[in-house]
Structure formats: C-alpha cells, structure tokens
C-alpha cells in the first residue's frame, strides 16, 4: 500500500507518526499491530470516505474474515485506551474521524 499521508499528523490530543509507527494520545503511546497500522493508514488516506470490510481487506491484501478481526480489534484498542473513537463504524462501513477535543 502506498503511503499518501504526511509523515506525521497532529490533531487534538493525537500525534501519529507513520514512519515510526507511533500513535500517541495525550502523552500515552497506543500500541497496535503492523497490519492495524496498514488499516489505520488506509482509513486516514481520505477522511471524507468510509470503507467496507471488503474494501479494507482488498487494500491490505488480506482475507475478509481477517480484516473483520483486525478492524474490530483496532476499534476496541483505540476506544479502550483513549476513550476517543478516531476510527468509527457506521452501517457496516469504517472511517477515520479527526477528533480535536
């Protein structure tokens, strides 16, 4: 997958460094797998769009059932560790939401 994002993104309490694969929320590092990084990067590639599990699976070159597991774990990890849902699910589609508070 081609990285079309900036090397580092900062918004609200979030600081995300793609090259170093570091995601920090309010000073605390959130640890996710390499595949979850690929998914996050894909979702952040266009904050105007939302993606189905099939689209995420295709973009990350994995099976649909694997994408479902990794995306749900990504949502759970981010929500549990930060209380902030920058990856959201709406009607079976997933998107990145820039939360600035």
PDB file of N, CA and C in Angstrom:
ATOM      1  N   UNK A   1       0.840  -1.165   0.000  1.00  0.00           N
ATOM      2  CA  UNK A   1       0.000   0.000   0.000  1.00  0.00           C
ATOM      3  C   UNK A   1       0.893   1.238   0.000  1.00  0.00           C
ATOM      4  N   UNK A   2       0.562   2.179  -0.836  1.00  0.00           N
ATOM      5  CA  UNK A   2       1.340   3.411  -0.946  1.00  0.00           C
ATOM      6  C   UNK A   2       0.909   4.384   0.141  1.00  0.00           C
ATOM      7  N   UNK A   3       1.868   4.978   0.786  1.00  0.00           N
ATOM      8  CA  UNK A   3       1.586   5.943   1.834  1.00  0.00           C
ATOM      9  C   UNK A   3       1.371   7.311   1.202  1.00  0.00           C
ATOM     10  N   UNK A   4       0.120   7.777   1.224  1.00  0.00           N
ATOM     11  CA  UNK A   4      -0.178   9.090   0.651  1.00  0.00           C
ATOM     12  C   UNK A   4      -0.390  10.127   1.750  1.00  0.00           C
ATOM     13  N   UNK A   5      -0.091   9.747   2.967  1.00  0.00           N
ATOM     14  CA  UNK A   5      -0.277  10.643   4.095  1.00  0.00           C
ATOM     15  C   UNK A   5       1.010  11.375   4.422  1.00  0.00           C
ATOM     16  N   UNK A   6       0.861  12.404   5.204  1.00  0.00           N
ATOM     17  CA  UNK A   6       2.040  13.086   5.719  1.00  0.00           C
ATOM     18  C   UNK A   6       2.770  12.131   6.659  1.00  0.00           C
ATOM     19  N   UNK A   7       4.030  12.397   6.876  1.00  0.00           N
ATOM     20  CA  UNK A   7       4.830  11.543   7.759  1.00  0.00           C
ATOM     21  C   UNK A   7       4.329  11.604   9.203  1.00  0.00           C
ATOM     22  N   UNK A   8       3.840  12.773   9.613  1.00  0.00           N
ATOM     23  CA  UNK A   8       3.366  12.962  10.983  1.00  0.00           C
ATOM     24  C   UNK A   8       2.084  13.786  10.958  1.00  0.00           C
ATOM     25  N   UNK A   9       1.096  13.348  11.744  1.00  0.00           N
ATOM     26  CA  UNK A   9      -0.186  14.035  11.812  1.00  0.00           C
ATOM     27  C   UNK A   9      -0.461  14.365  13.274  1.00  0.00           C
ATOM     28  N   UNK A  10      -0.853  15.599  13.533  1.00  0.00           N
ATOM     29  CA  UNK A  10      -1.195  16.011  14.895  1.00  0.00           C
ATOM     30  C   UNK A  10      -2.555  16.697  14.861  1.00  0.00           C
ATOM     31  N   UNK A  11      -3.446  16.264  15.743  1.00  0.00           N
ATOM     32  CA  UNK A  11      -4.746  16.913  15.892  1.00  0.00           C
ATOM     33  C   UNK A  11      -5.254  16.635  17.301  1.00  0.00           C
ATOM     34  N   UNK A  12      -5.830  17.658  17.925  1.00  0.00           N
ATOM     35  CA  UNK A  12      -6.324  17.497  19.290  1.00  0.00           C
ATOM     36  C   UNK A  12      -5.256  16.904  20.198  1.00  0.00           C
ATOM     37  N   UNK A  13      -5.592  15.817  20.888  1.00  0.00           N
ATOM     38  CA  UNK A  13      -4.656  15.132  21.787  1.00  0.00           C
ATOM     39  C   UNK A  13      -3.874  14.036  21.071  1.00  0.00           C
ATOM     40  N   UNK A  14      -4.055  13.919  19.769  1.00  0.00           N
ATOM     41  CA  UNK A  14      -3.439  12.847  18.978  1.00  0.00           C
ATOM     42  C   UNK A  14      -2.171  13.311  18.283  1.00  0.00           C
ATOM     43  N   UNK A  15      -1.185  12.429  18.252  1.00  0.00           N
ATOM     44  CA  UNK A  15       0.046  12.640  17.497  1.00  0.00           C
ATOM     45  C   UNK A  15       0.373  11.290  16.857  1.00  0.00           C
ATOM     46  N   UNK A  16       0.319  11.223  15.532  1.00  0.00           N
ATOM     47  CA  UNK A  16       0.527   9.964  14.823  1.00  0.00           C
ATOM     48  C   UNK A  16       1.717  10.116  13.886  1.00  0.00           C
ATOM     49  N   UNK A  17       2.713   9.256  14.070  1.00  0.00           N
ATOM     50  CA  UNK A  17       3.915   9.244  13.230  1.00  0.00           C
ATOM     51  C   UNK A  17       3.920   7.942  12.438  1.00  0.00           C
ATOM     52  N   UNK A  18       3.723   8.049  11.129  1.00  0.00           N
ATOM     53  CA  UNK A  18       3.583   6.844  10.311  1.00  0.00           C
ATOM     54  C   UNK A  18       4.901   6.130  10.064  1.00  0.00           C
ATOM     55  N   UNK A  19       5.950   6.877   9.833  1.00  0.00           N
ATOM     56  CA  UNK A  19       7.236   6.244   9.549  1.00  0.00           C
ATOM     57  C   UNK A  19       7.722   5.423  10.742  1.00  0.00           C
ATOM     58  N   UNK A  20       7.530   5.959  11.945  1.00  0.00           N
ATOM     59  CA  UNK A  20       7.951   5.268  13.169  1.00  0.00           C
ATOM     60  C   UNK A  20       6.868   4.342  13.720  1.00  0.00           C
ATOM     61  N   UNK A  21       5.691   4.387  13.113  1.00  0.00           N
ATOM     62  CA  UNK A  21       4.534   3.607  13.572  1.00  0.00           C
ATOM     63  C   UNK A  21       4.270   3.867  15.053  1.00  0.00           C
ATOM     64  N   UNK A  22       4.108   5.145  15.367  1.00  0.00           N
ATOM     65  CA  UNK A  22       3.822   5.562  16.742  1.00  0.00           C
ATOM     66  C   UNK A  22       2.520   6.333  16.762  1.00  0.00           C
ATOM     67  N   UNK A  23       1.650   5.951  17.676  1.00  0.00           N
ATOM     68  CA  UNK A  23       0.385   6.642  17.862  1.00  0.00           C
ATOM     69  C   UNK A  23       0.319   7.033  19.331  1.00  0.00           C
ATOM     70  N   UNK A  24       0.267   8.340  19.573  1.00  0.00           N
ATOM     71  CA  UNK A  24       0.279   8.845  20.945  1.00  0.00           C
ATOM     72  C   UNK A  24      -0.993   9.654  21.176  1.00  0.00           C
ATOM     73  N   UNK A  25      -1.650   9.358  22.288  1.00  0.00           N
ATOM     74  CA  UNK A  25      -2.846  10.087  22.675  1.00  0.00           C
ATOM     75  C   UNK A  25      -2.609  10.689  24.053  1.00  0.00           C
ATOM     76  N   UNK A  26      -2.623  12.001  24.128  1.00  0.00           N
ATOM     77  CA  UNK A  26      -2.471  12.720  25.393  1.00  0.00           C
ATOM     78  C   UNK A  26      -1.244  12.231  26.174  1.00  0.00           C
ATOM     79  N   UNK A  27      -0.138  11.991  25.446  1.00  0.00           N
ATOM     80  CA  UNK A  27       1.117  11.597  26.065  1.00  0.00           C
ATOM     81  C   UNK A  27       1.316  10.101  26.248  1.00  0.00           C
ATOM     82  N   UNK A  28       0.293   9.296  25.970  1.00  0.00           N
ATOM     83  CA  UNK A  28       0.383   7.843  26.136  1.00  0.00           C
ATOM     84  C   UNK A  28       0.433   7.161  24.777  1.00  0.00           C
ATOM     85  N   UNK A  29       1.419   6.281  24.602  1.00  0.00           N
ATOM     86  CA  UNK A  29       1.546   5.568  23.334  1.00  0.00           C
ATOM     87  C   UNK A  29       0.529   4.427  23.264  1.00  0.00           C
ATOM     88  N   UNK A  30      -0.163   4.340  22.139  1.00  0.00           N
ATOM     89  CA  UNK A  30      -1.129   3.278  21.883  1.00  0.00           C
ATOM     90  C   UNK A  30      -0.447   2.282  20.950  1.00  0.00           C
ATOM     91  N   UNK A  31      -0.339   1.042  21.377  1.00  0.00           N
ATOM     92  CA  UNK A  31       0.366   0.026  20.604  1.00  0.00           C
ATOM     93  C   UNK A  31      -0.636  -0.794  19.795  1.00  0.00           C
ATOM     94  N   UNK A  32      -0.388  -0.871  18.472  1.00  0.00           N
ATOM     95  CA  UNK A  32      -1.213  -1.691  17.587  1.00  0.00           C
ATOM     96  C   UNK A  32      -0.287  -2.502  16.681  1.00  0.00           C
ATOM     97  N   UNK A  33      -0.838  -3.521  16.046  1.00  0.00           N
ATOM     98  CA  UNK A  33      -0.040  -4.395  15.183  1.00  0.00           C
ATOM     99  C   UNK A  33       0.308  -3.693  13.870  1.00  0.00           C
ATOM    100  N   UNK A  34       1.270  -4.257  13.146  1.00  0.00           N
ATOM    101  CA  UNK A  34       1.646  -3.699  11.844  1.00  0.00           C
ATOM    102  C   UNK A  34       0.470  -3.699  10.879  1.00  0.00           C
ATOM    103  N   UNK A  35      -0.323  -4.752  10.890  1.00  0.00           N
ATOM    104  CA  UNK A  35      -1.481  -4.812   9.999  1.00  0.00           C
ATOM    105  C   UNK A  35      -2.522  -3.770  10.393  1.00  0.00           C
ATOM    106  N   UNK A  36      -2.698  -3.549  11.678  1.00  0.00           N
ATOM    107  CA  UNK A  36      -3.611  -2.495  12.116  1.00  0.00           C
ATOM    108  C   UNK A  36      -3.093  -1.125  11.685  1.00  0.00           C
ATOM    109  N   UNK A  37      -1.769  -0.956  11.642  1.00  0.00           N
ATOM    110  CA  UNK A  37      -1.196   0.289  11.124  1.00  0.00           C
ATOM    111  C   UNK A  37      -1.584   0.474   9.662  1.00  0.00           C
ATOM    112  N   UNK A  38      -1.472  -0.607   8.884  1.00  0.00           N
ATOM    113  CA  UNK A  38      -1.844  -0.538   7.469  1.00  0.00           C
ATOM    114  C   UNK A  38      -3.307  -0.147   7.315  1.00  0.00           C
ATOM    115  N   UNK A  39      -4.159  -0.717   8.152  1.00  0.00           N
ATOM    116  CA  UNK A  39      -5.589  -0.403   8.106  1.00  0.00           C
ATOM    117  C   UNK A  39      -5.823   1.052   8.496  1.00  0.00           C
ATOM    118  N   UNK A  40      -5.196   1.498   9.574  1.00  0.00           N
ATOM    119  CA  UNK A  40      -5.343   2.889  10.007  1.00  0.00           C
ATOM    120  C   UNK A  40      -4.877   3.848   8.920  1.00  0.00           C
ATOM    121  N   UNK A  41      -3.755   3.541   8.327  1.00  0.00           N
ATOM    122  CA  UNK A  41      -3.217   4.377   7.256  1.00  0.00           C
ATOM    123  C   UNK A  41      -4.191   4.446   6.075  1.00  0.00           C
ATOM    124  N   UNK A  42      -4.769   3.310   5.733  1.00  0.00           N
ATOM    125  CA  UNK A  42      -5.749   3.269   4.646  1.00  0.00           C
ATOM    126  C   UNK A  42      -6.975   4.111   4.988  1.00  0.00           C
ATOM    127  N   UNK A  43      -7.500   3.957   6.197  1.00  0.00           N
ATOM    128  CA  UNK A  43      -8.673   4.733   6.598  1.00  0.00           C
ATOM    129  C   UNK A  43      -8.379   6.227   6.628  1.00  0.00           C
ATOM    130  N   UNK A  44      -7.156   6.592   7.016  1.00  0.00           N
ATOM    131  CA  UNK A  44      -6.789   8.003   7.088  1.00  0.00           C
ATOM    132  C   UNK A  44      -6.439   8.594   5.726  1.00  0.00           C
ATOM    133  N   UNK A  45      -6.334   7.753   4.706  1.00  0.00           N
ATOM    134  CA  UNK A  45      -5.956   8.252   3.383  1.00  0.00           C
ATOM    135  C   UNK A  45      -6.986   9.225   2.827  1.00  0.00           C
ATOM    136  N   UNK A  46      -8.230   9.120   3.281  1.00  0.00           N
ATOM    137  CA  UNK A  46      -9.258  10.070   2.861  1.00  0.00           C
ATOM    138  C   UNK A  46     -10.330  10.124   3.933  1.00  0.00           C
ATOM    139  N   UNK A  47     -10.314  11.162   4.730  1.00  0.00           N
ATOM    140  CA  UNK A  47     -11.262  11.274   5.836  1.00  0.00           C
ATOM    141  C   UNK A  47     -12.680  11.582   5.367  1.00  0.00           C
ATOM    142  N   UNK A  48     -12.848  11.825   4.080  1.00  0.00           N
ATOM    143  CA  UNK A  48     -14.179  12.073   3.525  1.00  0.00           C
ATOM    144  C   UNK A  48     -14.902  10.771   3.187  1.00  0.00           C
ATOM    145  N   UNK A  49     -14.164   9.663   3.134  1.00  0.00           N
ATOM    146  CA  UNK A  49     -14.734   8.386   2.707  1.00  0.00           C
ATOM    147  C   UNK A  49     -14.867   7.413   3.865  1.00  0.00           C
ATOM    148  N   UNK A  50     -15.756   6.443   3.674  1.00  0.00           N
ATOM    149  CA  UNK A  50     -15.835   5.298   4.581  1.00  0.00           C
ATOM    150  C   UNK A  50     -15.661   4.049   3.727  1.00  0.00           C
ATOM    151  N   UNK A  51     -15.215   2.970   4.357  1.00  0.00           N
ATOM    152  CA  UNK A  51     -14.845   1.776   3.611  1.00  0.00           C
ATOM    153  C   UNK A  51     -15.502   0.538   4.200  1.00  0.00           C
ATOM    154  N   UNK A  52     -15.885  -0.384   3.336  1.00  0.00           N
ATOM    155  CA  UNK A  52     -16.435  -1.660   3.784  1.00  0.00           C
ATOM    156  C   UNK A  52     -15.288  -2.580   4.183  1.00  0.00           C
ATOM    157  N   UNK A  53     -15.629  -3.648   4.873  1.00  0.00           N
ATOM    158  CA  UNK A  53     -14.612  -4.640   5.244  1.00  0.00           C
ATOM    159  C   UNK A  53     -13.966  -5.220   3.992  1.00  0.00           C
ATOM    160  N   UNK A  54     -14.740  -5.452   2.950  1.00  0.00           N
ATOM    161  CA  UNK A  54     -14.180  -5.995   1.704  1.00  0.00           C
ATOM    162  C   UNK A  54     -13.157  -5.041   1.103  1.00  0.00           C
ATOM    163  N   UNK A  55     -13.453  -3.749   1.126  1.00  0.00           N
ATOM    164  CA  UNK A  55     -12.514  -2.757   0.590  1.00  0.00           C
ATOM    165  C   UNK A  55     -11.231  -2.703   1.430  1.00  0.00           C
ATOM    166  N   UNK A  56     -11.382  -2.785   2.733  1.00  0.00           N
ATOM    167  CA  UNK A  56     -10.214  -2.784   3.620  1.00  0.00           C
ATOM    168  C   UNK A  56      -9.377  -4.037   3.387  1.00  0.00           C
ATOM    169  N   UNK A  57     -10.036  -5.174   3.261  1.00  0.00           N
ATOM    170  CA  UNK A  57      -9.324  -6.438   3.001  1.00  0.00           C
ATOM    171  C   UNK A  57      -8.548  -6.352   1.690  1.00  0.00           C
ATOM    172  N   UNK A  58      -9.184  -5.839   0.655  1.00  0.00           N
ATOM    173  CA  UNK A  58      -8.525  -5.714  -0.648  1.00  0.00           C
ATOM    174  C   UNK A  58      -7.317  -4.772  -0.560  1.00  0.00           C
ATOM    175  N   UNK A  59      -7.497  -3.644   0.112  1.00  0.00           N
ATOM    176  CA  UNK A  59      -6.429  -2.640   0.206  1.00  0.00           C
ATOM    177  C   UNK A  59      -5.229  -3.143   1.004  1.00  0.00           C
ATOM    178  N   UNK A  60      -5.475  -4.022   1.955  1.00  0.00           N
ATOM    179  CA  UNK A  60      -4.389  -4.518   2.804  1.00  0.00           C
ATOM    180  C   UNK A  60      -3.945  -5.927   2.423  1.00  0.00           C
ATOM    181  N   UNK A  61      -4.554  -6.464   1.374  1.00  0.00           N
ATOM    182  CA  UNK A  61      -4.171  -7.774   0.831  1.00  0.00           C
ATOM    183  C   UNK A  61      -4.328  -8.914   1.841  1.00  0.00           C
ATOM    184  N   UNK A  62      -5.480  -8.915   2.526  1.00  0.00           N
ATOM    185  CA  UNK A  62      -5.800  -9.997   3.462  1.00  0.00           C
ATOM    186  C   UNK A  62      -7.215 -10.488   3.178  1.00  0.00           C
ATOM    187  N   UNK A  63      -7.577 -11.599   3.787  1.00  0.00           N
ATOM    188  CA  UNK A  63      -8.920 -12.157   3.636  1.00  0.00           C
ATOM    189  C   UNK A  63      -9.930 -11.294   4.399  1.00  0.00           C
ATOM    190  N   UNK A  64     -11.184 -11.348   3.956  1.00  0.00           N
ATOM    191  CA  UNK A  64     -12.237 -10.535   4.563  1.00  0.00           C
ATOM    192  C   UNK A  64     -12.397 -10.859   6.054  1.00  0.00           C
ATOM    193  N   UNK A  65     -12.386 -12.142   6.398  1.00  0.00           N
ATOM    194  CA  UNK A  65     -12.554 -12.504   7.813  1.00  0.00           C
ATOM    195  C   UNK A  65     -11.406 -11.961   8.669  1.00  0.00           C
ATOM    196  N   UNK A  66     -10.190 -11.920   8.105  1.00  0.00           N
ATOM    197  CA  UNK A  66      -9.047 -11.361   8.833  1.00  0.00           C
ATOM    198  C   UNK A  66      -9.221  -9.855   9.023  1.00  0.00           C
ATOM    199  N   UNK A  67      -9.673  -9.189   7.977  1.00  0.00           N
ATOM    200  CA  UNK A  67      -9.898  -7.742   8.053  1.00  0.00           C
ATOM    201  C   UNK A  67     -10.913  -7.427   9.139  1.00  0.00           C
ATOM    202  N   UNK A  68     -11.975  -8.227   9.209  1.00  0.00           N
ATOM    203  CA  UNK A  68     -13.009  -8.014  10.224  1.00  0.00           C
ATOM    204  C   UNK A  68     -12.407  -8.081  11.627  1.00  0.00           C
ATOM    205  N   UNK A  69     -11.583  -9.080  11.860  1.00  0.00           N
ATOM    206  CA  UNK A  69     -10.955  -9.254  13.173  1.00  0.00           C
ATOM    207  C   UNK A  69     -10.031  -8.081  13.494  1.00  0.00           C
ATOM    208  N   UNK A  70      -9.151  -7.737  12.558  1.00  0.00           N
ATOM    209  CA  UNK A  70      -8.169  -6.676  12.811  1.00  0.00           C
ATOM    210  C   UNK A  70      -8.823  -5.303  12.974  1.00  0.00           C
ATOM    211  N   UNK A  71      -9.853  -5.023  12.191  1.00  0.00           N
ATOM    212  CA  UNK A  71     -10.530  -3.727  12.303  1.00  0.00           C
ATOM    213  C   UNK A  71     -11.260  -3.627  13.638  1.00  0.00           C
ATOM    214  N   UNK A  72     -11.967  -4.682  14.020  1.00  0.00           N
ATOM    215  CA  UNK A  72     -12.688  -4.656  15.296  1.00  0.00           C
ATOM    216  C   UNK A  72     -11.719  -4.515  16.475  1.00  0.00           C
ATOM    217  N   UNK A  73     -10.584  -5.196  16.407  1.00  0.00           N
ATOM    218  CA  UNK A  73      -9.569  -5.066  17.461  1.00  0.00           C
ATOM    219  C   UNK A  73      -8.976  -3.654  17.490  1.00  0.00           C
ATOM    220  N   UNK A  74      -8.784  -3.069  16.317  1.00  0.00           N
ATOM    221  CA  UNK A  74      -8.280  -1.693  16.234  1.00  0.00           C
ATOM    222  C   UNK A  74      -9.262  -0.735  16.898  1.00  0.00           C
ATOM    223  N   UNK A  75     -10.546  -0.852  16.569  1.00  0.00           N
ATOM    224  CA  UNK A  75     -11.564  -0.008  17.189  1.00  0.00           C
ATOM    225  C   UNK A  75     -11.564  -0.183  18.702  1.00  0.00           C
ATOM    226  N   UNK A  76     -11.532  -1.428  19.147  1.00  0.00           N
ATOM    227  CA  UNK A  76     -11.571  -1.738  20.575  1.00  0.00           C
ATOM    228  C   UNK A  76     -10.347  -1.173  21.298  1.00  0.00           C
ATOM    229  N   UNK A  77      -9.172  -1.384  20.740  1.00  0.00           N
ATOM    230  CA  UNK A  77      -7.932  -0.907  21.362  1.00  0.00           C
ATOM    231  C   UNK A  77      -7.934   0.606  21.508  1.00  0.00           C
ATOM    232  N   UNK A  78      -8.260   1.300  20.434  1.00  0.00           N
ATOM    233  CA  UNK A  78      -8.255   2.765  20.472  1.00  0.00           C
ATOM    234  C   UNK A  78      -9.293   3.279  21.462  1.00  0.00           C
ATOM    235  N   UNK A  79     -10.497   2.746  21.405  1.00  0.00           N
ATOM    236  CA  UNK A  79     -11.573   3.215  22.284  1.00  0.00           C
ATOM    237  C   UNK A  79     -11.258   2.930  23.756  1.00  0.00           C
ATOM    238  N   UNK A  80     -10.769   1.713  24.050  1.00  0.00           N
ATOM    239  CA  UNK A  80     -10.476   1.353  25.444  1.00  0.00           C
ATOM    240  C   UNK A  80      -9.326   2.164  26.027  1.00  0.00           C
ATOM    241  N   UNK A  81      -8.294   2.416  25.230  1.00  0.00           N
ATOM    242  CA  UNK A  81      -7.108   3.083  25.758  1.00  0.00           C
ATOM    243  C   UNK A  81      -7.201   4.602  25.745  1.00  0.00           C
ATOM    244  N   UNK A  82      -8.120   5.138  24.946  1.00  0.00           N
ATOM    245  CA  UNK A  82      -8.185   6.595  24.840  1.00  0.00           C
ATOM    246  C   UNK A  82      -9.554   7.177  25.155  1.00  0.00           C
ATOM    247  N   UNK A  83     -10.598   6.393  24.982  1.00  0.00           N
ATOM    248  CA  UNK A  83     -11.951   6.918  25.110  1.00  0.00           C
ATOM    249  C   UNK A  83     -12.337   7.764  23.918  1.00  0.00           C
ATOM    250  N   UNK A  84     -11.471   7.830  22.929  1.00  0.00           N
ATOM    251  CA  UNK A  84     -11.672   8.648  21.737  1.00  0.00           C
ATOM    252  C   UNK A  84     -11.760   7.736  20.517  1.00  0.00           C
ATOM    253  N   UNK A  85     -12.820   7.855  19.767  1.00  0.00           N
ATOM    254  CA  UNK A  85     -13.044   6.950  18.634  1.00  0.00           C
ATOM    255  C   UNK A  85     -12.656   7.603  17.308  1.00  0.00           C
ATOM    256  N   UNK A  86     -11.355   7.588  16.990  1.00  0.00           N
ATOM    257  CA  UNK A  86     -10.922   8.170  15.714  1.00  0.00           C
ATOM    258  C   UNK A  86     -11.200   7.235  14.544  1.00  0.00           C
ATOM    259  N   UNK A  87     -11.438   5.959  14.838  1.00  0.00           N
ATOM    260  CA  UNK A  87     -11.895   5.017  13.821  1.00  0.00           C
ATOM    261  C   UNK A  87     -13.305   4.626  14.229  1.00  0.00           C
ATOM    262  N   UNK A  88     -14.251   4.847  13.322  1.00  0.00           N
ATOM    263  CA  UNK A  88     -15.643   4.612  13.667  1.00  0.00           C
ATOM    264  C   UNK A  88     -16.318   3.696  12.664  1.00  0.00           C
ATOM    265  N   UNK A  89     -17.330   2.984  13.162  1.00  0.00           N
ATOM    266  CA  UNK A  89     -18.133   2.092  12.332  1.00  0.00           C
ATOM    267  C   UNK A  89     -19.525   2.679  12.230  1.00  0.00           C
ATOM    268  N   UNK A  90     -20.024   2.780  10.991  1.00  0.00           N
ATOM    269  CA  UNK A  90     -21.362   3.293  10.759  1.00  0.00           C
ATOM    270  C   UNK A  90     -21.989   2.486   9.629  1.00  0.00           C
ATOM    271  N   UNK A  91     -23.011   1.710   9.962  1.00  0.00           N
ATOM    272  CA  UNK A  91     -23.714   0.892   8.971  1.00  0.00           C
ATOM    273  C   UNK A  91     -22.768   0.019   8.155  1.00  0.00           C
ATOM    274  N   UNK A  92     -21.948  -0.765   8.853  1.00  0.00           N
ATOM    275  CA  UNK A  92     -21.017  -1.720   8.229  1.00  0.00           C
ATOM    276  C   UNK A  92     -19.916  -1.066   7.393  1.00  0.00           C
ATOM    277  N   UNK A  93     -19.685   0.215   7.612  1.00  0.00           N
ATOM    278  CA  UNK A  93     -18.594   0.911   6.932  1.00  0.00           C
ATOM    279  C   UNK A  93     -17.732   1.576   7.998  1.00  0.00           C
ATOM    280  N   UNK A  94     -16.445   1.663   7.717  1.00  0.00           N
ATOM    281  CA  UNK A  94     -15.480   2.183   8.678  1.00  0.00           C
ATOM    282  C   UNK A  94     -14.833   3.444   8.129  1.00  0.00           C
ATOM    283  N   UNK A  95     -14.563   4.376   9.036  1.00  0.00           N
ATOM    284  CA  UNK A  95     -13.949   5.629   8.602  1.00  0.00           C
ATOM    285  C   UNK A  95     -13.061   6.191   9.705  1.00  0.00           C
ATOM    286  N   UNK A  96     -12.193   7.096   9.292  1.00  0.00           N
ATOM    287  CA  UNK A  96     -11.353   7.848  10.212  1.00  0.00           C
ATOM    288  C   UNK A  96     -12.048   9.166  10.485  1.00  0.00           C
ATOM    289  N   UNK A  97     -12.081   9.558  11.743  1.00  0.00           N
ATOM    290  CA  UNK A  97     -12.686  10.825  12.136  1.00  0.00           C
ATOM    291  C   UNK A  97     -11.660  11.599  12.949  1.00  0.00           C
ATOM    292  N   UNK A  98     -11.361  12.806  12.518  1.00  0.00           N
ATOM    293  CA  UNK A  98     -10.390  13.642  13.225  1.00  0.00           C
ATOM    294  C   UNK A  98     -11.084  14.313  14.396  1.00  0.00           C
ATOM    295  N   UNK A  99     -10.778  13.847  15.593  1.00  0.00           N
ATOM    296  CA  UNK A  99     -11.372  14.385  16.816  1.00  0.00           C
ATOM    297  C   UNK A  99     -10.365  15.335  17.448  1.00  0.00           C
ATOM    298  N   UNK A 100     -10.761  16.581  17.626  1.00  0.00           N
ATOM    299  CA  UNK A 100      -9.805  17.596  18.077  1.00  0.00           C
ATOM    300  C   UNK A 100      -9.945  17.971  19.548  1.00  0.00           C
ATOM    301  N   UNK A 101     -10.885  17.372  20.266  1.00  0.00           N
ATOM    302  CA  UNK A 101     -11.016  17.731  21.686  1.00  0.00           C
ATOM    303  C   UNK A 101     -10.421  16.702  22.586  1.00  0.00           C
TER     304      UNK A 101
END
